[in-house]
Amino acid sequence: MIIPAQTEADRDLLLNYLAEKIGEQPRDIVGDMPFHIIGAVRDNRLMAVICFLNFRRQSIEFHLTVAPGALSLGEIRRLFAYPFEQLQCLRLWCIIRRNNKPARLGAKRLGFKVLGVLNDEFGPKRDGILYSMRRADCVWLKRKG
């Protein structure tokens, strides 16, 4: 079940979970920017968190952690519907550490394309890979489930 954070305590819980899973500090993820954060729960266990931030009318950034197989096709579709249908963004993007092969593979499986390498994005010699998906290319919006 997909559950958007409703309270400040919910937001902190989800942000802390996300930060722990991706190896960042919570405020290093969101800074002082407004953000929208959503959790996916199965059997009273948190299985996925997605955080949307840096909304720029045409695009929005996100951070995601998800246990393999934790989301149904319908839930994945709902997660993509938020930026593309509700916010009417044309592009969804993220930066993944070059050495995080599981996350990079997951991004490709979801349909994201590599736009480039961001040298030293996470510190000296710790590059990031910029991934992007255009609304027109999002297969999840066309799926039912």
N, C-alpha and C. Protein backbone atom coordinates (compact mmCIF):
# COMPACT_ATOMS: atom_id res chain seq x y z
N MET A 1 0.84 -1.17 0.00
CA MET A 1 0.00 0.00 0.00
C MET A 1 0.89 1.24 0.00
N ILE A 2 0.59 2.19 -0.87
CA ILE A 2 1.32 3.45 -0.98
C ILE A 2 0.71 4.45 -0.01
N ILE A 3 1.57 5.05 0.83
CA ILE A 3 1.07 5.98 1.84
C ILE A 3 1.92 7.25 1.83
N PRO A 4 1.36 8.39 1.41
CA PRO A 4 2.09 9.65 1.49
C PRO A 4 2.24 10.08 2.96
N ALA A 5 3.35 10.69 3.29
CA ALA A 5 3.54 11.20 4.65
C ALA A 5 2.51 12.30 4.91
N GLN A 6 1.84 12.21 6.05
CA GLN A 6 0.81 13.18 6.41
C GLN A 6 1.26 14.14 7.50
N THR A 7 2.16 13.69 8.36
CA THR A 7 2.59 14.52 9.48
C THR A 7 4.10 14.73 9.40
N GLU A 8 4.57 15.66 10.20
CA GLU A 8 6.02 15.91 10.27
C GLU A 8 6.75 14.66 10.77
N ALA A 9 6.15 13.94 11.71
CA ALA A 9 6.75 12.69 12.22
C ALA A 9 6.84 11.65 11.09
N ASP A 10 5.78 11.55 10.27
CA ASP A 10 5.81 10.62 9.12
C ASP A 10 6.94 11.01 8.16
N ARG A 11 7.04 12.29 7.87
CA ARG A 11 8.08 12.77 6.95
C ARG A 11 9.47 12.43 7.48
N ASP A 12 9.69 12.67 8.77
CA ASP A 12 10.99 12.37 9.37
C ASP A 12 11.29 10.87 9.34
N LEU A 13 10.29 10.06 9.66
CA LEU A 13 10.47 8.61 9.64
C LEU A 13 10.87 8.12 8.25
N LEU A 14 10.14 8.56 7.23
CA LEU A 14 10.42 8.13 5.86
C LEU A 14 11.76 8.67 5.36
N LEU A 15 12.05 9.93 5.67
CA LEU A 15 13.32 10.52 5.24
C LEU A 15 14.50 9.82 5.91
N ASN A 16 14.39 9.50 7.19
CA ASN A 16 15.47 8.79 7.88
C ASN A 16 15.67 7.39 7.31
N TYR A 17 14.59 6.70 6.99
CA TYR A 17 14.66 5.38 6.38
C TYR A 17 15.37 5.46 5.02
N LEU A 18 14.95 6.41 4.20
CA LEU A 18 15.57 6.61 2.88
C LEU A 18 17.05 6.91 3.02
N ALA A 19 17.39 7.84 3.90
CA ALA A 19 18.78 8.24 4.08
C ALA A 19 19.65 7.05 4.51
N GLU A 20 19.15 6.27 5.45
CA GLU A 20 19.90 5.10 5.91
C GLU A 20 20.14 4.12 4.75
N LYS A 21 19.11 3.88 3.95
CA LYS A 21 19.22 2.90 2.87
C LYS A 21 20.15 3.36 1.75
N ILE A 22 20.21 4.66 1.47
CA ILE A 22 21.08 5.11 0.39
C ILE A 22 22.42 5.67 0.87
N GLY A 23 22.64 5.63 2.18
CA GLY A 23 23.93 6.01 2.73
C GLY A 23 24.20 7.51 2.76
N GLU A 24 23.16 8.26 3.01
CA GLU A 24 23.28 9.72 3.09
C GLU A 24 22.72 10.19 4.42
N GLN A 25 22.96 11.44 4.74
CA GLN A 25 22.31 12.07 5.88
C GLN A 25 21.00 12.68 5.39
N PRO A 26 19.95 12.65 6.20
CA PRO A 26 18.65 13.17 5.74
C PRO A 26 18.72 14.57 5.15
N ARG A 27 19.38 15.48 5.80
CA ARG A 27 19.43 16.86 5.30
C ARG A 27 20.34 17.00 4.09
N ASP A 28 21.24 16.04 3.87
CA ASP A 28 22.04 16.06 2.63
C ASP A 28 21.17 15.71 1.43
N ILE A 29 20.07 15.04 1.66
CA ILE A 29 19.15 14.67 0.57
C ILE A 29 18.26 15.86 0.22
N VAL A 30 17.63 16.47 1.21
CA VAL A 30 16.63 17.50 0.94
C VAL A 30 17.09 18.91 1.23
N GLY A 31 18.16 19.08 1.98
CA GLY A 31 18.59 20.43 2.33
C GLY A 31 17.44 21.19 2.98
N ASP A 32 17.22 22.40 2.51
CA ASP A 32 16.11 23.22 3.01
C ASP A 32 14.95 23.28 2.02
N MET A 33 15.00 22.42 0.99
CA MET A 33 13.96 22.43 -0.03
C MET A 33 12.68 21.76 0.47
N PRO A 34 11.55 22.23 -0.01
CA PRO A 34 10.32 21.49 0.25
C PRO A 34 10.39 20.14 -0.47
N PHE A 35 9.74 19.14 0.09
CA PHE A 35 9.75 17.82 -0.54
C PHE A 35 8.47 17.08 -0.21
N HIS A 36 8.16 16.12 -1.06
CA HIS A 36 7.00 15.24 -0.88
C HIS A 36 7.57 13.83 -0.78
N ILE A 37 7.18 13.10 0.25
CA ILE A 37 7.76 11.78 0.48
C ILE A 37 6.64 10.76 0.70
N ILE A 38 6.84 9.59 0.11
CA ILE A 38 5.83 8.53 0.09
C ILE A 38 6.47 7.22 0.52
N GLY A 39 5.75 6.42 1.27
CA GLY A 39 6.22 5.09 1.66
C GLY A 39 5.32 4.01 1.09
N ALA A 40 5.88 2.83 0.95
CA ALA A 40 5.09 1.65 0.56
C ALA A 40 5.23 0.65 1.70
N VAL A 41 4.09 0.16 2.16
CA VAL A 41 4.05 -0.73 3.32
C VAL A 41 3.46 -2.08 2.92
N ARG A 42 4.09 -3.16 3.41
CA ARG A 42 3.59 -4.53 3.24
C ARG A 42 3.67 -5.21 4.60
N ASP A 43 2.59 -5.81 5.03
CA ASP A 43 2.56 -6.53 6.31
C ASP A 43 3.15 -5.69 7.44
N ASN A 44 2.74 -4.42 7.49
CA ASN A 44 3.20 -3.48 8.51
C ASN A 44 4.70 -3.22 8.47
N ARG A 45 5.35 -3.50 7.34
CA ARG A 45 6.79 -3.22 7.17
C ARG A 45 6.98 -2.23 6.05
N LEU A 46 7.84 -1.26 6.27
CA LEU A 46 8.17 -0.28 5.25
C LEU A 46 9.07 -0.96 4.22
N MET A 47 8.64 -0.96 2.96
CA MET A 47 9.35 -1.68 1.90
C MET A 47 9.97 -0.75 0.86
N ALA A 48 9.47 0.47 0.77
CA ALA A 48 9.98 1.41 -0.23
C ALA A 48 9.69 2.83 0.23
N VAL A 49 10.57 3.74 -0.17
CA VAL A 49 10.37 5.17 0.07
C VAL A 49 10.81 5.91 -1.18
N ILE A 50 10.00 6.86 -1.61
CA ILE A 50 10.38 7.74 -2.71
C ILE A 50 10.16 9.17 -2.26
N CYS A 51 11.16 9.99 -2.52
CA CYS A 51 11.14 11.39 -2.12
C CYS A 51 11.26 12.25 -3.38
N PHE A 52 10.32 13.16 -3.58
CA PHE A 52 10.34 14.08 -4.70
C PHE A 52 10.73 15.46 -4.18
N LEU A 53 11.66 16.11 -4.86
CA LEU A 53 12.09 17.43 -4.45
C LEU A 53 12.63 18.19 -5.65
N ASN A 54 12.99 19.43 -5.43
CA ASN A 54 13.58 20.27 -6.47
C ASN A 54 12.64 20.40 -7.67
N PHE A 55 11.38 20.65 -7.38
CA PHE A 55 10.36 20.83 -8.42
C PHE A 55 10.63 22.11 -9.18
N ARG A 56 10.68 22.01 -10.51
CA ARG A 56 10.98 23.17 -11.35
C ARG A 56 9.95 23.35 -12.46
N ARG A 57 8.72 23.08 -12.21
CA ARG A 57 7.61 23.14 -13.17
C ARG A 57 7.71 22.07 -14.24
N GLN A 58 8.83 22.02 -14.95
CA GLN A 58 8.98 21.05 -16.04
C GLN A 58 9.65 19.76 -15.61
N SER A 59 10.34 19.80 -14.46
CA SER A 59 11.05 18.61 -14.01
C SER A 59 11.05 18.54 -12.49
N ILE A 60 11.36 17.34 -12.00
CA ILE A 60 11.46 17.13 -10.56
C ILE A 60 12.50 16.03 -10.31
N GLU A 61 13.24 16.19 -9.25
CA GLU A 61 14.26 15.21 -8.82
C GLU A 61 13.61 14.23 -7.86
N PHE A 62 14.18 13.04 -7.79
CA PHE A 62 13.68 12.08 -6.81
C PHE A 62 14.80 11.22 -6.27
N HIS A 63 14.55 10.63 -5.11
CA HIS A 63 15.40 9.62 -4.48
C HIS A 63 14.49 8.45 -4.15
N LEU A 64 15.00 7.24 -4.33
CA LEU A 64 14.17 6.06 -4.15
C LEU A 64 14.98 4.93 -3.53
N THR A 65 14.35 4.22 -2.62
CA THR A 65 14.87 2.95 -2.15
C THR A 65 13.69 1.99 -2.12
N VAL A 66 13.92 0.79 -2.62
CA VAL A 66 12.84 -0.19 -2.68
C VAL A 66 13.43 -1.59 -2.56
N ALA A 67 12.78 -2.42 -1.76
CA ALA A 67 13.16 -3.82 -1.67
C ALA A 67 12.74 -4.51 -2.97
N PRO A 68 13.56 -5.40 -3.50
CA PRO A 68 13.20 -6.08 -4.76
C PRO A 68 11.83 -6.73 -4.67
N GLY A 69 11.01 -6.49 -5.67
CA GLY A 69 9.68 -7.08 -5.74
C GLY A 69 8.66 -6.50 -4.78
N ALA A 70 9.01 -5.41 -4.10
CA ALA A 70 8.13 -4.86 -3.07
C ALA A 70 6.94 -4.09 -3.63
N LEU A 71 7.02 -3.63 -4.87
CA LEU A 71 5.95 -2.82 -5.44
C LEU A 71 5.23 -3.57 -6.54
N SER A 72 3.92 -3.47 -6.54
CA SER A 72 3.12 -4.04 -7.63
C SER A 72 3.22 -3.11 -8.84
N LEU A 73 2.81 -3.60 -9.98
CA LEU A 73 2.81 -2.76 -11.18
C LEU A 73 1.91 -1.54 -10.99
N GLY A 74 0.78 -1.73 -10.34
CA GLY A 74 -0.12 -0.61 -10.07
C GLY A 74 0.52 0.43 -9.15
N GLU A 75 1.27 -0.02 -8.16
CA GLU A 75 1.94 0.92 -7.25
C GLU A 75 3.04 1.68 -7.98
N ILE A 76 3.77 1.02 -8.85
CA ILE A 76 4.80 1.71 -9.63
C ILE A 76 4.14 2.76 -10.51
N ARG A 77 3.04 2.39 -11.12
CA ARG A 77 2.31 3.34 -11.96
C ARG A 77 1.88 4.56 -11.15
N ARG A 78 1.37 4.34 -9.94
CA ARG A 78 0.94 5.46 -9.09
C ARG A 78 2.10 6.36 -8.70
N LEU A 79 3.27 5.78 -8.48
CA LEU A 79 4.44 6.59 -8.14
C LEU A 79 4.85 7.49 -9.31
N PHE A 80 4.77 6.97 -10.53
CA PHE A 80 5.10 7.79 -11.70
C PHE A 80 3.98 8.78 -12.04
N ALA A 81 2.76 8.45 -11.67
CA ALA A 81 1.64 9.36 -11.93
C ALA A 81 1.78 10.67 -11.15
N TYR A 82 2.37 10.62 -9.97
CA TYR A 82 2.50 11.84 -9.17
C TYR A 82 3.29 12.92 -9.94
N PRO A 83 4.53 12.66 -10.37
CA PRO A 83 5.24 13.74 -11.07
C PRO A 83 4.68 14.04 -12.46
N PHE A 84 4.29 12.99 -13.18
CA PHE A 84 3.92 13.19 -14.58
C PHE A 84 2.47 13.61 -14.79
N GLU A 85 1.56 13.13 -13.98
CA GLU A 85 0.15 13.48 -14.17
C GLU A 85 -0.31 14.57 -13.21
N GLN A 86 0.01 14.41 -11.93
CA GLN A 86 -0.46 15.40 -10.97
C GLN A 86 0.31 16.71 -11.10
N LEU A 87 1.64 16.64 -11.16
CA LEU A 87 2.45 17.86 -11.25
C LEU A 87 2.66 18.33 -12.68
N GLN A 88 2.35 17.46 -13.65
CA GLN A 88 2.52 17.76 -15.07
C GLN A 88 3.97 18.03 -15.47
N CYS A 89 4.91 17.34 -14.80
CA CYS A 89 6.32 17.45 -15.17
C CYS A 89 6.55 16.77 -16.52
N LEU A 90 7.54 17.26 -17.22
CA LEU A 90 7.96 16.64 -18.47
C LEU A 90 9.13 15.68 -18.26
N ARG A 91 9.84 15.84 -17.12
CA ARG A 91 11.03 15.03 -16.87
C ARG A 91 11.15 14.71 -15.39
N LEU A 92 11.55 13.48 -15.12
CA LEU A 92 11.87 13.00 -13.77
C LEU A 92 13.34 12.62 -13.82
N TRP A 93 14.12 13.03 -12.83
CA TRP A 93 15.56 12.74 -12.88
C TRP A 93 16.12 12.42 -11.50
N CYS A 94 17.25 11.72 -11.54
CA CYS A 94 17.96 11.38 -10.30
C CYS A 94 19.45 11.24 -10.60
N ILE A 95 20.23 11.30 -9.55
CA ILE A 95 21.68 11.09 -9.65
C ILE A 95 22.02 9.89 -8.78
N ILE A 96 22.70 8.92 -9.37
CA ILE A 96 23.07 7.71 -8.66
C ILE A 96 24.58 7.59 -8.65
N ARG A 97 25.12 7.20 -7.50
CA ARG A 97 26.58 7.01 -7.43
C ARG A 97 27.02 6.00 -8.48
N ARG A 98 28.14 6.29 -9.11
CA ARG A 98 28.66 5.41 -10.15
C ARG A 98 28.86 3.99 -9.64
N ASN A 99 29.28 3.84 -8.39
CA ASN A 99 29.57 2.51 -7.86
C ASN A 99 28.34 1.78 -7.31
N ASN A 100 27.15 2.38 -7.42
CA ASN A 100 25.93 1.74 -6.94
C ASN A 100 25.26 1.00 -8.11
N LYS A 101 25.84 -0.13 -8.47
CA LYS A 101 25.36 -0.89 -9.63
C LYS A 101 23.92 -1.38 -9.47
N PRO A 102 23.49 -1.85 -8.28
CA PRO A 102 22.09 -2.28 -8.16
C PRO A 102 21.10 -1.14 -8.44
N ALA A 103 21.38 0.05 -7.93
CA ALA A 103 20.49 1.19 -8.16
C ALA A 103 20.51 1.60 -9.63
N ARG A 104 21.68 1.57 -10.25
CA ARG A 104 21.78 1.93 -11.66
C ARG A 104 21.01 0.93 -12.53
N LEU A 105 21.11 -0.35 -12.21
CA LEU A 105 20.37 -1.38 -12.95
C LEU A 105 18.86 -1.18 -12.74
N GLY A 106 18.46 -0.88 -11.51
CA GLY A 106 17.05 -0.64 -11.22
C GLY A 106 16.51 0.55 -12.01
N ALA A 107 17.29 1.62 -12.11
CA ALA A 107 16.87 2.79 -12.87
C ALA A 107 16.66 2.43 -14.34
N LYS A 108 17.57 1.65 -14.89
CA LYS A 108 17.43 1.24 -16.29
C LYS A 108 16.20 0.35 -16.48
N ARG A 109 15.95 -0.55 -15.54
CA ARG A 109 14.77 -1.42 -15.63
C ARG A 109 13.47 -0.63 -15.58
N LEU A 110 13.48 0.47 -14.84
CA LEU A 110 12.29 1.31 -14.77
C LEU A 110 12.12 2.16 -16.03
N GLY A 111 13.16 2.25 -16.83
CA GLY A 111 13.06 3.00 -18.08
C GLY A 111 13.84 4.29 -18.12
N PHE A 112 14.69 4.53 -17.13
CA PHE A 112 15.50 5.74 -17.12
C PHE A 112 16.67 5.61 -18.09
N LYS A 113 17.07 6.75 -18.66
CA LYS A 113 18.19 6.81 -19.58
C LYS A 113 19.31 7.61 -18.94
N VAL A 114 20.55 7.23 -19.26
CA VAL A 114 21.72 7.97 -18.76
C VAL A 114 21.87 9.24 -19.58
N LEU A 115 21.98 10.37 -18.89
CA LEU A 115 22.24 11.63 -19.58
C LEU A 115 23.70 12.04 -19.50
N GLY A 116 24.40 11.57 -18.47
CA GLY A 116 25.80 11.92 -18.37
C GLY A 116 26.40 11.57 -17.03
N VAL A 117 27.70 11.83 -16.95
CA VAL A 117 28.46 11.60 -15.72
C VAL A 117 28.71 12.94 -15.06
N LEU A 118 28.50 12.99 -13.75
CA LEU A 118 28.77 14.19 -12.96
C LEU A 118 30.01 13.91 -12.12
N ASN A 119 31.15 14.33 -12.63
CA ASN A 119 32.41 14.07 -11.95
C ASN A 119 32.42 14.69 -10.56
N ASP A 120 32.87 13.92 -9.59
CA ASP A 120 33.03 14.37 -8.20
C ASP A 120 31.72 14.82 -7.55
N GLU A 121 30.58 14.37 -8.04
CA GLU A 121 29.27 14.78 -7.51
C GLU A 121 29.12 14.46 -6.02
N PHE A 122 29.70 13.34 -5.59
CA PHE A 122 29.57 12.91 -4.20
C PHE A 122 30.88 13.06 -3.43
N GLY A 123 31.77 13.89 -3.95
CA GLY A 123 33.07 14.10 -3.34
C GLY A 123 34.18 13.75 -4.32
N PRO A 124 35.42 14.00 -3.95
CA PRO A 124 36.54 13.71 -4.85
C PRO A 124 36.55 12.25 -5.31
N LYS A 125 36.60 12.08 -6.61
CA LYS A 125 36.65 10.75 -7.24
C LYS A 125 35.43 9.89 -6.94
N ARG A 126 34.32 10.52 -6.58
CA ARG A 126 33.06 9.81 -6.31
C ARG A 126 32.01 10.39 -7.24
N ASP A 127 31.99 9.86 -8.45
CA ASP A 127 31.14 10.39 -9.51
C ASP A 127 29.68 9.96 -9.36
N GLY A 128 28.82 10.74 -9.94
CA GLY A 128 27.41 10.41 -10.04
C GLY A 128 27.02 10.23 -11.49
N ILE A 129 26.01 9.43 -11.72
CA ILE A 129 25.46 9.24 -13.06
C ILE A 129 24.08 9.89 -13.06
N LEU A 130 23.84 10.77 -14.01
CA LEU A 130 22.56 11.46 -14.12
C LEU A 130 21.62 10.62 -14.98
N TYR A 131 20.48 10.25 -14.38
CA TYR A 131 19.45 9.47 -15.07
C TYR A 131 18.22 10.34 -15.24
N SER A 132 17.50 10.11 -16.33
CA SER A 132 16.32 10.90 -16.62
C SER A 132 15.27 10.06 -17.34
N MET A 133 14.01 10.42 -17.12
CA MET A 133 12.91 9.82 -17.85
C MET A 133 11.96 10.95 -18.25
N ARG A 134 11.62 11.00 -19.51
CA ARG A 134 10.63 11.96 -19.99
C ARG A 134 9.24 11.36 -19.84
N ARG A 135 8.27 12.22 -19.59
CA ARG A 135 6.89 11.76 -19.47
C ARG A 135 6.48 10.98 -20.72
N ALA A 136 6.86 11.46 -21.89
CA ALA A 136 6.48 10.80 -23.14
C ALA A 136 7.05 9.39 -23.25
N ASP A 137 8.12 9.10 -22.51
CA ASP A 137 8.77 7.79 -22.57
C ASP A 137 8.39 6.86 -21.42
N CYS A 138 7.54 7.31 -20.51
CA CYS A 138 7.20 6.53 -19.32
C CYS A 138 6.18 5.44 -19.65
N VAL A 139 6.65 4.20 -19.73
CA VAL A 139 5.76 3.08 -20.05
C VAL A 139 4.78 2.80 -18.90
N TRP A 140 5.12 3.21 -17.69
CA TRP A 140 4.29 2.92 -16.52
C TRP A 140 2.96 3.65 -16.57
N LEU A 141 2.91 4.78 -17.24
CA LEU A 141 1.65 5.53 -17.33
C LEU A 141 0.66 4.84 -18.27
N LYS A 142 1.17 4.00 -19.14
CA LYS A 142 0.33 3.30 -20.11
C LYS A 142 -0.16 1.96 -19.58
N ARG A 143 0.45 1.48 -18.49
CA ARG A 143 0.09 0.18 -17.93
C ARG A 143 -1.09 0.30 -17.00
N LYS A 144 -1.86 -0.73 -16.93
CA LYS A 144 -2.97 -0.81 -15.98
C LYS A 144 -2.60 -1.83 -14.93
N GLY A 145 -3.07 -1.65 -13.72
CA GLY A 145 -2.77 -2.65 -12.71
C GLY A 145 -2.87 -2.13 -11.33
